[in-house]
Protein backbone atom coordinates (compact mmCIF):
# COMPACT_ATOMS: atom_id res chain seq x y z
CA UNK A 1 0.00 0.00 0.00
CA UNK A 2 2.85 2.40 0.88
CA UNK A 3 4.47 1.64 -2.47
CA UNK A 4 1.25 2.57 -4.27
CA UNK A 5 1.00 5.81 -2.30
CA UNK A 6 4.58 6.73 -3.23
CA UNK A 7 3.88 6.00 -6.89
CA UNK A 8 0.78 8.16 -6.77
CA UNK A 9 2.76 10.97 -5.14
CA UNK A 10 5.44 10.81 -7.84
CA UNK A 11 2.73 10.79 -10.51
CA UNK A 12 1.14 13.95 -9.05
CA UNK A 13 4.52 15.69 -8.95
CA UNK A 14 5.30 14.63 -12.50
CA UNK A 15 1.91 15.74 -13.80
CA UNK A 16 2.24 19.15 -12.14
CA UNK A 17 5.62 19.78 -13.75
CA UNK A 18 4.45 18.39 -17.09
CA UNK A 19 1.48 20.77 -17.06
CA UNK A 20 3.80 23.64 -16.18
CA UNK A 21 6.12 22.76 -19.07
CA UNK A 22 3.22 22.42 -21.50
CA UNK A 23 2.02 25.94 -20.68
CA UNK A 24 5.39 27.65 -20.66
CA UNK A 25 7.87 25.88 -22.92
CA UNK A 26 7.85 27.16 -26.49
CA UNK A 27 5.99 25.07 -29.09
CA UNK A 28 8.47 23.44 -31.44
CA UNK A 29 8.94 23.67 -35.17
CA UNK A 30 8.50 21.61 -38.31
CA UNK A 31 11.03 20.52 -40.90
CA UNK A 32 12.65 23.48 -42.58
CA UNK A 33 12.10 21.96 -46.03
CA UNK A 34 8.33 22.19 -45.45
CA UNK A 35 8.39 25.98 -45.33
CA UNK A 36 7.77 26.43 -49.06
CA UNK A 37 4.80 24.06 -48.88
CA UNK A 38 3.36 25.97 -45.96
CA UNK A 39 3.86 29.32 -47.63
CA UNK A 40 1.85 28.15 -50.64
CA UNK A 41 -1.07 27.24 -48.37
CA UNK A 42 -0.80 30.21 -46.02
CA UNK A 43 -2.72 33.47 -46.30
CA UNK A 44 -1.96 36.41 -44.01
CA UNK A 45 -3.92 39.62 -43.61
CA UNK A 46 -4.40 42.37 -41.03
CA UNK A 47 -7.62 44.31 -40.59
CA UNK A 48 -7.60 48.10 -40.37
CA UNK A 49 -8.09 47.85 -36.61
CA UNK A 50 -4.82 45.90 -36.30
CA UNK A 51 -6.18 42.38 -35.82
CA UNK A 52 -4.02 39.82 -37.62
CA UNK A 53 -5.15 36.55 -39.23
CA UNK A 54 -3.09 33.53 -40.32
CA UNK A 55 -5.10 31.19 -42.54
CA UNK A 56 -3.66 27.78 -43.45
CA UNK A 57 -5.47 25.49 -45.87
CA UNK A 58 -5.62 21.78 -44.99
CA UNK A 59 -8.42 20.07 -46.84
CA UNK A 60 -7.91 16.51 -45.56
CA UNK A 61 -11.10 16.68 -43.46
CA UNK A 62 -14.08 19.07 -43.27
CA UNK A 63 -13.01 20.61 -39.97
CA UNK A 64 -11.38 23.87 -38.91
CA UNK A 65 -9.41 24.83 -35.81
CA UNK A 66 -9.45 28.39 -34.47
CA UNK A 67 -6.81 29.78 -32.14
CA UNK A 68 -7.10 33.32 -30.77
CA UNK A 69 -3.88 34.53 -29.18
CA UNK A 70 -4.13 37.58 -26.91
CA UNK A 71 -0.65 38.98 -26.35
CA UNK A 72 -1.26 39.49 -22.64
CA UNK A 73 -0.48 37.28 -19.69
CA UNK A 74 0.42 37.38 -16.04
CA UNK A 75 3.64 39.21 -16.93
CA UNK A 76 1.58 42.29 -17.88
CA UNK A 77 0.01 42.64 -14.45
CA UNK A 78 1.21 44.89 -11.66
CA UNK A 79 1.10 44.48 -7.90
CA UNK A 80 -2.49 44.72 -6.72
CA UNK A 81 -4.08 43.03 -9.75
CA UNK A 82 -2.09 39.80 -9.99
CA UNK A 83 -4.23 36.96 -11.31
CA UNK A 84 -6.21 39.25 -13.63
CA UNK A 85 -5.13 37.62 -16.91
CA UNK A 86 -5.93 34.17 -15.53
CA UNK A 87 -9.31 35.44 -14.40
CA UNK A 88 -10.08 36.36 -18.02
CA UNK A 89 -9.54 32.72 -18.93
CA UNK A 90 -12.55 32.03 -16.70
CA UNK A 91 -14.49 35.05 -17.93
CA UNK A 92 -14.15 33.86 -21.54
CA UNK A 93 -17.21 31.64 -21.25
CA UNK A 94 -19.57 34.06 -19.55
CA UNK A 95 -21.11 35.45 -22.73
CA UNK A 96 -21.90 38.89 -24.13
CA UNK A 97 -24.70 41.45 -24.09
CA UNK A 98 -26.82 39.15 -26.25
CA UNK A 99 -25.51 35.70 -25.29
CA UNK A 100 -25.89 34.41 -21.75
CA UNK A 101 -28.72 36.69 -20.66
CA UNK A 102 -32.48 37.02 -21.01
CA UNK A 103 -32.55 40.75 -20.27
CA UNK A 104 -29.22 42.55 -20.40
CA UNK A 105 -30.57 45.97 -19.36
CA UNK A 106 -32.01 44.59 -16.13
CA UNK A 107 -28.95 42.43 -15.58
CA UNK A 108 -26.66 45.46 -16.02
CA UNK A 109 -28.47 47.28 -13.22
CA UNK A 110 -28.01 44.32 -10.89
CA UNK A 111 -24.33 44.06 -11.91
CA UNK A 112 -23.87 47.72 -10.98
CA UNK A 113 -25.45 47.15 -7.56
CA UNK A 114 -23.09 44.22 -6.94
CA UNK A 115 -20.12 46.40 -7.90
CA UNK A 116 -21.23 49.18 -5.55
CA UNK A 117 -21.62 46.79 -2.63
CA UNK A 118 -18.27 45.08 -3.21
CA UNK A 119 -16.34 48.32 -3.64
CA UNK A 120 -17.93 49.73 -0.47
CA UNK A 121 -16.90 46.57 1.38
CA UNK A 122 -13.36 46.96 0.04
CA UNK A 123 -13.14 50.53 1.35
CA UNK A 124 -14.50 49.55 4.75
CA UNK A 125 -12.09 46.62 5.09
CA UNK A 126 -9.15 48.96 4.48
CA UNK A 127 -9.84 50.40 7.93
CA UNK A 128 -8.57 47.18 9.45
CA UNK A 129 -9.47 46.92 13.13
CA UNK A 130 -11.53 50.10 12.80
CA UNK A 131 -13.81 48.54 10.17
CA UNK A 132 -17.48 48.64 11.18
CA UNK A 133 -18.61 45.03 11.58
CA UNK A 134 -22.33 45.76 11.23
CA UNK A 135 -21.72 47.85 8.10
CA UNK A 136 -19.66 45.05 6.54
CA UNK A 137 -22.41 42.55 7.27
CA UNK A 138 -24.99 44.83 5.64
CA UNK A 139 -22.81 45.35 2.56
CA UNK A 140 -22.29 41.59 2.31
CA UNK A 141 -26.07 41.12 2.31
CA UNK A 142 -26.41 43.76 -0.42
CA UNK A 143 -23.81 41.94 -2.52
CA UNK A 144 -25.58 38.61 -2.08
CA UNK A 145 -28.95 40.14 -2.93
CA UNK A 146 -27.51 41.71 -6.09
CA UNK A 147 -25.98 38.38 -7.08
CA UNK A 148 -29.33 36.64 -6.56
CA UNK A 149 -30.95 39.26 -8.78
CA UNK A 150 -28.30 38.69 -11.45
CA UNK A 151 -29.08 34.97 -11.47
CA UNK A 152 -32.62 35.71 -12.64
CA UNK A 153 -31.34 36.90 -16.01
CA UNK A 154 -28.52 34.41 -16.61
CA UNK A 155 -28.56 31.68 -19.20
CA UNK A 156 -25.73 29.53 -17.94
CA UNK A 157 -23.19 28.16 -20.45
CA UNK A 158 -25.13 29.55 -23.43
CA UNK A 159 -21.97 30.74 -25.18
CA UNK A 160 -20.27 27.34 -25.01
CA UNK A 161 -23.42 25.33 -25.71
CA UNK A 162 -24.20 27.33 -28.84
CA UNK A 163 -20.87 26.20 -30.30
CA UNK A 164 -20.88 22.64 -28.97
CA UNK A 165 -24.39 22.12 -30.31
CA UNK A 166 -23.03 22.84 -33.80
CA UNK A 167 -20.19 20.36 -33.51
CA UNK A 168 -17.65 22.41 -31.58
CA UNK A 169 -14.84 20.47 -29.93
CA UNK A 170 -11.81 21.33 -27.83
CA UNK A 171 -13.53 24.46 -26.53
CA UNK A 172 -11.04 25.88 -24.05
CA UNK A 173 -8.92 28.78 -22.86
CA UNK A 174 -5.66 28.95 -20.99
CA UNK A 175 -3.31 31.50 -19.50
CA UNK A 176 0.46 31.64 -19.24
CA UNK A 177 2.90 34.32 -18.17
CA UNK A 178 3.01 35.53 -21.78
CA UNK A 179 -0.48 35.06 -23.25
CA UNK A 180 -4.16 34.33 -22.90
CA UNK A 181 -5.43 31.92 -25.56
CA UNK A 182 -8.82 30.70 -26.74
CA UNK A 183 -9.20 27.54 -28.82
CA UNK A 184 -11.99 25.71 -30.65
CA UNK A 185 -12.54 23.33 -33.57
CA UNK A 186 -15.71 23.27 -35.69
CA UNK A 187 -17.05 21.67 -38.86
CA UNK A 188 -15.96 23.76 -41.83
CA UNK A 189 -19.54 24.79 -42.64
CA UNK A 190 -19.75 26.59 -39.26
CA UNK A 191 -17.02 29.15 -39.83
CA UNK A 192 -19.41 32.09 -39.84
CA UNK A 193 -20.84 30.95 -36.51
CA UNK A 194 -17.37 31.19 -34.98
CA UNK A 195 -16.79 34.59 -36.58
CA UNK A 196 -20.01 35.90 -35.10
CA UNK A 197 -19.50 34.44 -31.62
CA UNK A 198 -15.79 35.20 -31.25
CA UNK A 199 -16.09 38.77 -32.48
CA UNK A 200 -19.01 39.33 -30.09
CA UNK A 201 -16.87 37.99 -27.25
CA UNK A 202 -14.33 40.78 -27.81
CA UNK A 203 -16.73 43.52 -28.95
CA UNK A 204 -19.39 43.16 -26.24
CA UNK A 205 -18.03 41.19 -23.29
CA UNK A 206 -19.99 41.03 -20.06
CA UNK A 207 -18.03 40.11 -16.96
CA UNK A 208 -20.99 38.44 -15.33
CA UNK A 209 -20.67 36.35 -12.18
CA UNK A 210 -17.34 38.12 -11.66
CA UNK A 211 -17.30 37.89 -7.87
CA UNK A 212 -18.45 34.26 -7.87
CA UNK A 213 -15.79 33.37 -10.42
CA UNK A 214 -13.17 35.01 -8.23
CA UNK A 215 -14.16 32.55 -5.51
CA UNK A 216 -13.56 29.72 -7.99
CA UNK A 217 -10.10 31.07 -8.81
CA UNK A 218 -9.25 31.45 -5.12
CA UNK A 219 -10.22 27.83 -4.56
CA UNK A 220 -8.07 26.90 -7.54
CA UNK A 221 -5.16 28.69 -5.90
CA UNK A 222 -5.75 26.78 -2.66
CA UNK A 223 -5.76 23.45 -4.49
CA UNK A 224 -2.91 24.07 -6.96
CA UNK A 225 -0.55 26.10 -4.79
CA UNK A 226 -1.37 26.40 -1.13
CA UNK A 227 -2.17 22.72 -0.53
CA UNK A 228 0.48 21.33 -2.91
CA UNK A 229 4.10 21.22 -1.72
CA UNK A 230 5.48 21.50 -5.27
CA UNK A 231 3.09 24.36 -6.00
CA UNK A 232 4.28 26.22 -2.91
CA UNK A 233 7.89 25.58 -3.85
CA UNK A 234 7.44 26.86 -7.41
CA UNK A 235 5.89 30.08 -6.12
CA UNK A 236 8.68 30.65 -3.58
CA UNK A 237 11.32 29.68 -6.14
CA UNK A 238 10.15 32.18 -8.77
CA UNK A 239 9.77 34.91 -6.17
CA UNK A 240 13.48 34.77 -5.34
CA UNK A 241 14.65 34.02 -8.90
CA UNK A 242 13.14 37.36 -9.99
CA UNK A 243 13.50 40.40 -7.78
CA UNK A 244 12.45 42.97 -10.42
CA UNK A 245 10.79 41.37 -13.45
CA UNK A 246 7.10 40.35 -13.13
CA UNK A 247 7.95 36.77 -14.18
CA UNK A 248 8.36 36.31 -10.43
CA UNK A 249 4.62 36.77 -9.82
CA UNK A 250 2.28 33.74 -9.80
CA UNK A 251 -0.06 33.28 -12.78
CA UNK A 252 -2.97 32.45 -10.47
CA UNK A 253 -2.32 35.64 -8.51
CA UNK A 254 -1.76 36.44 -4.85
CA UNK A 255 -4.68 35.63 -2.60
CA UNK A 256 -4.99 39.18 -1.23
CA UNK A 257 -5.15 40.56 -4.80
CA UNK A 258 -7.81 38.03 -5.80
CA UNK A 259 -9.86 38.98 -2.75
CA UNK A 260 -9.87 42.68 -3.65
CA UNK A 261 -10.07 42.70 -7.49
CA UNK A 262 -13.10 44.64 -8.75
CA UNK A 263 -15.09 44.28 -11.94
CA UNK A 264 -14.24 47.86 -12.92
CA UNK A 265 -10.52 47.04 -12.66
CA UNK A 266 -11.10 44.00 -14.86
CA UNK A 267 -12.95 46.07 -17.45
CA UNK A 268 -10.05 48.55 -17.61
CA UNK A 269 -7.58 45.68 -18.01
CA UNK A 270 -9.67 44.24 -20.84
CA UNK A 271 -9.88 47.56 -22.68
CA UNK A 272 -6.12 47.99 -22.50
CA UNK A 273 -4.99 44.50 -23.53
CA UNK A 274 -7.79 42.62 -25.32
CA UNK A 275 -8.11 44.99 -28.25
CA UNK A 276 -7.67 44.01 -31.93
CA UNK A 277 -4.11 45.32 -32.24
CA UNK A 278 -3.10 42.86 -29.51
CA UNK A 279 -4.90 39.82 -31.00
CA UNK A 280 -3.65 37.28 -33.54
CA UNK A 281 -5.88 34.53 -34.93
CA UNK A 282 -4.80 31.33 -36.66
CA UNK A 283 -7.43 29.43 -38.67
CA UNK A 284 -6.27 26.03 -39.88
CA UNK A 285 -8.23 23.42 -41.82
CA UNK A 286 -10.76 23.07 -44.62
CA UNK A 287 -11.06 26.77 -45.41
CA UNK A 288 -11.35 29.18 -48.32
CA UNK A 289 -9.00 32.11 -47.55
CA UNK A 290 -11.09 34.55 -49.58
CA UNK A 291 -14.21 33.64 -47.58
CA UNK A 292 -12.28 33.90 -44.31
CA UNK A 293 -11.12 37.41 -45.16
CA UNK A 294 -14.62 38.53 -46.13
CA UNK A 295 -16.10 37.17 -42.91
CA UNK A 296 -13.31 38.64 -40.80
CA UNK A 297 -13.95 42.05 -42.34
CA UNK A 298 -17.67 41.67 -41.70
CA UNK A 299 -17.47 40.62 -38.07
CA UNK A 300 -14.16 41.74 -36.56
CA UNK A 301 -13.71 45.09 -38.30
CA UNK A 302 -16.55 46.47 -36.16
CA UNK A 303 -14.37 46.27 -33.05
CA UNK A 304 -12.65 49.60 -32.37
CA UNK A 305 -8.97 49.41 -31.62
CA UNK A 306 -6.08 51.44 -30.35
CA UNK A 307 -2.29 51.23 -30.21
CA UNK A 308 -0.76 47.92 -29.21
CA UNK A 309 0.19 48.01 -25.51
CA UNK A 310 3.86 48.49 -24.71
CA UNK A 311 5.84 45.41 -23.63
CA UNK A 312 7.20 45.04 -20.12
CA UNK A 313 10.18 47.37 -19.82
CA UNK A 314 11.53 46.14 -16.48
CA UNK A 315 14.76 44.20 -16.95
CA UNK A 316 15.85 41.64 -14.39
CA UNK A 317 19.34 42.69 -13.18
CA UNK A 318 22.15 40.13 -13.14
CA UNK A 319 22.38 38.06 -9.99
CA UNK A 320 25.19 38.77 -7.55
CA UNK A 321 25.30 35.22 -6.23
CA UNK A 322 23.36 32.04 -5.64
CA UNK A 323 19.83 32.40 -4.26
CA UNK A 324 18.29 29.61 -2.24
CA UNK A 325 14.89 28.88 -0.74
CA UNK A 326 13.85 25.98 1.47
CA UNK A 327 10.20 25.03 1.90
CA UNK A 328 9.60 22.98 5.02
CA UNK A 329 7.00 20.31 4.37
CA UNK A 330 6.47 16.70 5.50
CA UNK A 331 6.04 15.67 1.87
CA UNK A 332 8.23 14.19 -0.84
CA UNK A 333 11.66 15.87 -0.93
CA UNK A 334 12.27 17.87 -4.09
CA UNK A 335 15.10 19.79 -5.75
CA UNK A 336 14.80 22.65 -8.27
CA UNK A 337 17.81 24.36 -9.81
CA UNK A 338 17.29 27.25 -12.20
CA UNK A 339 19.64 29.38 -14.30
CA UNK A 340 18.71 32.66 -15.95
CA UNK A 341 18.84 32.52 -19.74
CA UNK A 342 17.93 34.82 -22.67
CA UNK A 343 14.50 34.84 -24.30
CA UNK A 344 13.47 32.74 -27.29
CA UNK A 345 14.76 35.28 -29.82
CA UNK A 346 18.37 35.02 -28.66
CA UNK A 347 20.88 33.36 -30.99
CA UNK A 348 21.61 30.69 -28.36
CA UNK A 349 18.00 29.54 -28.08
CA UNK A 350 18.61 26.47 -30.27
CA UNK A 351 21.59 25.52 -28.11
CA UNK A 352 19.36 25.39 -25.04
CA UNK A 353 16.95 23.17 -27.00
CA UNK A 354 19.82 20.82 -27.84
CA UNK A 355 20.89 20.71 -24.19
CA UNK A 356 17.31 19.83 -23.29
CA UNK A 357 17.31 16.84 -25.62
CA UNK A 358 20.74 15.64 -24.47
CA UNK A 359 20.55 16.22 -20.74
CA UNK A 360 16.98 16.79 -19.71
CA UNK A 361 14.07 15.11 -21.47
CA UNK A 362 13.11 11.44 -21.46
CA UNK A 363 14.49 8.17 -20.17
CA UNK A 364 17.49 8.37 -22.49
CA UNK A 365 18.57 11.77 -21.16
CA UNK A 366 21.77 12.09 -19.18
CA UNK A 367 19.96 13.21 -16.03
CA UNK A 368 17.56 10.29 -16.03
CA UNK A 369 20.23 7.70 -16.85
CA UNK A 370 22.62 9.05 -14.21
CA UNK A 371 20.35 9.89 -11.29
CA UNK A 372 17.58 7.32 -11.76
CA UNK A 373 19.11 4.31 -13.51
CA UNK A 374 22.76 4.33 -12.44
CA UNK A 375 23.12 6.13 -9.11
CA UNK A 376 19.50 5.39 -8.12
CA UNK A 377 19.38 8.55 -5.99
CA UNK A 378 16.20 9.82 -7.68
CA UNK A 379 12.91 8.48 -9.00
CA UNK A 380 12.58 11.34 -11.51
CA UNK A 381 14.98 13.86 -13.01
CA UNK A 382 14.74 16.24 -15.93
CA UNK A 383 15.68 19.61 -17.35
CA UNK A 384 14.05 22.10 -19.72
CA UNK A 385 13.98 25.80 -20.72
CA UNK A 386 11.05 28.19 -21.00
CA UNK A 387 10.19 28.65 -17.35
CA UNK A 388 8.25 30.73 -16.52
CA UNK A 389 7.95 32.16 -20.07
CA UNK A 390 9.67 32.70 -23.42
CA UNK A 391 8.80 36.26 -24.39
CA UNK A 392 11.29 37.69 -21.87
CA UNK A 393 14.48 36.18 -20.39
CA UNK A 394 13.50 33.09 -18.45
CA UNK A 395 15.08 30.14 -16.70
CA UNK A 396 16.55 26.79 -17.62
CA UNK A 397 15.29 24.45 -14.93
CA UNK A 398 16.70 21.17 -13.61
CA UNK A 399 14.77 19.12 -11.08
CA UNK A 400 14.97 15.81 -9.25
CA UNK A 401 12.73 13.81 -6.92
CA UNK A 402 14.92 11.92 -4.41
CA UNK A 403 14.45 8.17 -4.12
CA UNK A 404 13.63 6.57 -0.80
CA UNK A 405 16.55 6.70 1.65
CA UNK A 406 18.32 9.31 -0.52
CA UNK A 407 18.56 13.03 0.02
CA UNK A 408 18.09 16.33 -1.71
CA UNK A 409 21.81 16.97 -1.32
CA UNK A 410 22.70 13.78 -3.17
CA UNK A 411 20.39 14.73 -6.05
CA UNK A 412 21.65 18.31 -6.14
CA UNK A 413 25.28 17.15 -6.29
CA UNK A 414 24.41 14.59 -8.98
CA UNK A 415 22.75 17.30 -11.12
CA UNK A 416 25.83 19.52 -10.73
CA UNK A 417 28.01 16.65 -11.86
CA UNK A 418 26.01 16.30 -15.08
CA UNK A 419 26.12 20.07 -15.65
CA UNK A 420 29.89 19.99 -15.17
CA UNK A 421 30.18 17.32 -17.88
CA UNK A 422 28.34 19.63 -20.28
CA UNK A 423 31.00 22.25 -19.58
CA UNK A 424 34.12 20.07 -19.70
CA UNK A 425 33.38 17.13 -22.01
CA UNK A 426 32.41 17.69 -25.66
CA UNK A 427 29.15 15.97 -26.58
CA UNK A 428 29.85 12.95 -28.78
CA UNK A 429 28.78 13.31 -32.43
CA UNK A 430 26.38 10.37 -32.21
CA UNK A 431 24.75 11.78 -29.05
CA UNK A 432 24.24 15.16 -30.70
CA UNK A 433 22.84 13.50 -33.84
CA UNK A 434 20.37 11.46 -31.78
CA UNK A 435 19.25 14.58 -29.97
CA UNK A 436 18.55 16.33 -33.27
CA UNK A 437 16.64 13.30 -34.56
CA UNK A 438 14.48 13.18 -31.42
CA UNK A 439 13.83 16.87 -31.71
CA UNK A 440 12.80 16.56 -35.37
CA UNK A 441 10.44 13.67 -34.62
CA UNK A 442 8.85 15.56 -31.75
CA UNK A 443 8.39 18.67 -33.85
CA UNK A 444 6.72 16.85 -36.69
CA UNK A 445 4.35 15.05 -34.32
CA UNK A 446 3.16 18.39 -33.03
CA UNK A 447 2.07 19.36 -36.54
CA UNK A 448 -0.28 16.42 -36.93
CA UNK A 449 -3.41 18.28 -35.85
CA UNK A 450 -5.02 21.48 -37.08
CA UNK A 451 -5.22 22.70 -33.49
CA UNK A 452 -1.53 22.04 -32.84
CA UNK A 453 -0.58 23.90 -35.98
CA UNK A 454 -2.79 26.86 -35.12
CA UNK A 455 -1.22 27.05 -31.67
CA UNK A 456 2.32 27.05 -33.00
CA UNK A 457 1.62 29.53 -35.77
CA UNK A 458 0.21 32.12 -33.39
CA UNK A 459 2.98 31.56 -30.84
CA UNK A 460 5.82 32.04 -33.29
CA UNK A 461 4.18 34.95 -35.06
CA UNK A 462 3.55 36.90 -31.87
CA UNK A 463 6.60 36.02 -29.78
CA UNK A 464 9.25 35.86 -32.51
CA UNK A 465 7.66 38.27 -34.99
CA UNK A 466 7.11 35.81 -37.84
CA UNK A 467 5.38 32.43 -38.03
CA UNK A 468 8.15 31.29 -40.41
CA UNK A 469 10.48 31.07 -37.43
CA UNK A 470 8.56 27.92 -36.63
CA UNK A 471 10.70 26.37 -39.36
CA UNK A 472 13.87 28.36 -38.81
CA UNK A 473 14.12 26.93 -35.32
CA UNK A 474 14.91 23.44 -36.60
CA UNK A 475 17.51 24.85 -38.98
CA UNK A 476 19.15 26.48 -35.99
CA UNK A 477 19.13 23.23 -34.01
CA UNK A 478 20.79 21.41 -36.90
CA UNK A 479 23.60 23.99 -36.82
CA UNK A 480 24.40 23.42 -33.14
CA UNK A 481 27.83 21.90 -32.57
CA UNK A 482 29.48 20.39 -29.50
CA UNK A 483 31.46 23.57 -28.85
CA UNK A 484 28.22 25.56 -28.64
CA UNK A 485 26.92 23.35 -25.85
CA UNK A 486 30.11 23.72 -23.84
CA UNK A 487 30.17 27.49 -24.39
CA UNK A 488 26.53 28.01 -23.32
CA UNK A 489 26.85 25.69 -20.29
CA UNK A 490 29.94 27.58 -19.12
CA UNK A 491 28.34 30.98 -19.68
CA UNK A 492 24.95 30.41 -18.07
CA UNK A 493 25.12 27.39 -15.74
CA UNK A 494 27.17 29.16 -13.07
CA UNK A 495 26.80 29.40 -9.30
CA UNK A 496 26.38 33.17 -9.52
CA UNK A 497 23.49 32.79 -11.99
CA UNK A 498 21.76 30.07 -10.00
CA UNK A 499 18.57 29.79 -7.96
CA UNK A 500 17.92 26.66 -5.87
CA UNK A 501 14.63 25.54 -4.37
CA UNK A 502 14.26 22.65 -1.92
CA UNK A 503 11.40 20.85 -0.23
CA UNK A 504 12.94 19.70 3.04
CA UNK A 505 11.08 17.07 5.04
CA UNK A 506 13.69 16.80 7.81
CA UNK A 507 13.34 20.25 9.40
CA UNK A 508 10.96 20.46 12.32
CA UNK A 509 9.65 23.55 14.06
CA UNK A 510 11.22 24.31 17.46
């Protein structure tokens, strides 16, 4: 029974890190020789309001995938409104002025009453010990009454059901440090339905059930961070890895910020960041580009725009020495080691990808073979770039889960030993070739679906400036040589540039 519990614990840890990697590591590219084929099937256009469309024809099946990429994520938040971008992932399904309500005018009045009650409560709570208890109770009743009134006009899940009823699949949204993204696939004869619904979502959003949805997000934070040792460690780790840049803030937000966010603050955030000039759409599948452009003009051109928001200008200063955080928890021991690295547009990006294939990913990686198979000091070990994002300089992360009767220190020293080999021993030609082959196979697999393609096209177009870099990336990997790996390891994997996070199960409170 204990063995099963340990296996379950390792599975939970692995899944958490896998999910983190999936939402932060850059999507990978296709074979460079396919670029000409893609260009022949690709149509690009930008509406007068600044909204960009990438349309790729794939007529193998009568389906289409849509991917809307909003160039705004947790990195664009400031202290006081952390968690806002993630909250818009939840708000995406709440509908518009015509979808999700039976009487918007009456609903709007009730929404305003809820806002007034909540903002009055917020002001009263700022008084701390001097806050009037009876007044707070009365305001809480007013908020609850307004929310009950709002419920009278709601048509729950109408936005999603309208699309699913017509064959919609994969209806979802997700948030990272760098972006908020909305995805859906539909039969190809339902393109105009998507155009109508998606444009309405951005033209006439209604942040209904805002305060209830905040409660959902706060519970999500409790489950994913506050009650999970690895979640707590990741939050503490990023907080010390970044002392200036907002990559150090949690995507889910700080609890005190979530408690005090108002609907008016959310509306201002939406107006600033979710405007056409900050949106890129990829449409991949059985499409007619001419029809797509006509429909896009018809539906999306009606949305007024403004200048694209400025990027984050704060630059993380160089570290002056190793930073270290220890989370005390009677859970599975855990080791995280991170090194600051440049963003995805740096010339060494492909070298970090090669290091990932050689040292970090899979059962054939150096870390897994050394720590898990040979030394048996860990039950899991890996390494990857892209944490917590790719748009700005991020981290290359190594981690290990100590095996029973082995310690964090043993795993940490074993990871350092593998890093030292990267610096001092040239990678063998056959090892480098295998890494490139694995990378190529993985990249091609990710192009199998319309949805996967749409995701990668928007990512590369927004973050690197051109979707064609999806293909250039593999060219760059093919050019990596053993000397590059040694050079990058020596330059970046240094003690001075290092942040270490530990879950320690041996420390007890005195």
